[in-house]
Amino acid sequence: MNAPLSLADALAQLPEEERIILTLHYLRSMPSYEIAKLLGVPEKSVIAVMASGKGRITALLGLG
């Protein structure tokens, strides 16, 4: 059985875009509209990436 991943290890396994967006939102408390403005992408894209990234990180941490 594999040892559980730390949050840092799980984040490191995500694609760069997901890692950046999740870090800005959940660890830096930045709202989606600010992330969208910073990255120059539509807010809907940020929200979609947050949803998929949250699902992936939950699975990697064995929480889902």
Protein backbone atom coordinates (compact mmCIF):
# COMPACT_ATOMS: atom_id res chain seq x y z
CA MET A 1 0.00 0.00 0.00
CA ASN A 2 1.33 3.45 -0.93
CA ALA A 3 1.83 6.13 1.69
CA PRO A 4 -0.63 9.02 1.45
CA LEU A 5 0.57 12.04 -0.50
CA SER A 6 1.09 15.37 1.17
CA LEU A 7 -0.77 18.35 -0.27
CA ALA A 8 2.50 19.65 -1.75
CA ASP A 9 3.19 16.28 -3.42
CA ALA A 10 -0.36 16.11 -4.80
CA LEU A 11 -0.15 19.67 -6.15
CA ALA A 12 3.16 18.83 -7.82
CA GLN A 13 1.43 16.06 -9.78
CA LEU A 14 -1.17 18.40 -11.28
CA PRO A 15 -0.78 20.06 -14.67
CA GLU A 16 0.78 23.51 -14.31
CA GLU A 17 -2.44 25.43 -15.08
CA GLU A 18 -4.43 23.53 -12.44
CA ARG A 19 -1.63 23.88 -9.88
CA ILE A 20 -1.40 27.65 -10.40
CA ILE A 21 -5.15 28.24 -10.28
CA LEU A 22 -5.75 26.03 -7.24
CA THR A 23 -2.81 27.60 -5.40
CA LEU A 24 -4.03 31.12 -6.11
CA HIS A 25 -7.60 30.31 -5.12
CA TYR A 26 -7.26 28.01 -2.13
CA LEU A 27 -3.89 28.97 -0.68
CA ARG A 28 -3.84 32.67 -1.56
CA SER A 29 -7.63 33.24 -1.18
CA MET A 30 -7.86 34.90 -4.59
CA PRO A 31 -11.36 34.98 -6.15
CA SER A 32 -11.87 33.48 -9.60
CA TYR A 33 -12.42 36.85 -11.30
CA GLU A 34 -9.03 38.09 -10.05
CA ILE A 35 -7.30 34.90 -11.19
CA ALA A 36 -8.91 35.29 -14.60
CA LYS A 37 -7.73 38.88 -14.87
CA LEU A 38 -4.20 37.97 -13.73
CA LEU A 39 -3.91 35.08 -16.20
CA GLY A 40 -5.77 36.80 -19.05
CA VAL A 41 -8.37 34.06 -19.42
CA PRO A 42 -12.18 34.01 -19.08
CA GLU A 43 -13.48 33.57 -15.55
CA LYS A 44 -15.54 30.57 -16.71
CA SER A 45 -12.29 28.86 -17.71
CA VAL A 46 -10.84 29.47 -14.25
CA ILE A 47 -13.97 28.06 -12.61
CA ALA A 48 -13.85 24.96 -14.84
CA VAL A 49 -10.17 24.37 -14.06
CA MET A 50 -10.86 24.82 -10.34
CA ALA A 51 -13.59 22.17 -10.48
CA SER A 52 -11.49 19.62 -12.37
CA GLY A 53 -8.40 20.37 -10.29
CA LYS A 54 -10.32 20.04 -7.04
CA GLY A 55 -11.57 16.63 -8.15
CA ARG A 56 -8.11 15.50 -9.17
CA ILE A 57 -6.44 16.72 -5.95
CA THR A 58 -9.18 15.06 -3.86
CA ALA A 59 -8.51 11.76 -5.65
CA LEU A 60 -4.72 12.10 -5.28
CA LEU A 61 -5.09 12.69 -1.55
CA GLY A 62 -7.44 9.70 -1.24
CA LEU A 63 -10.30 11.86 0.03
CA GLY A 64 -12.86 11.07 -2.65
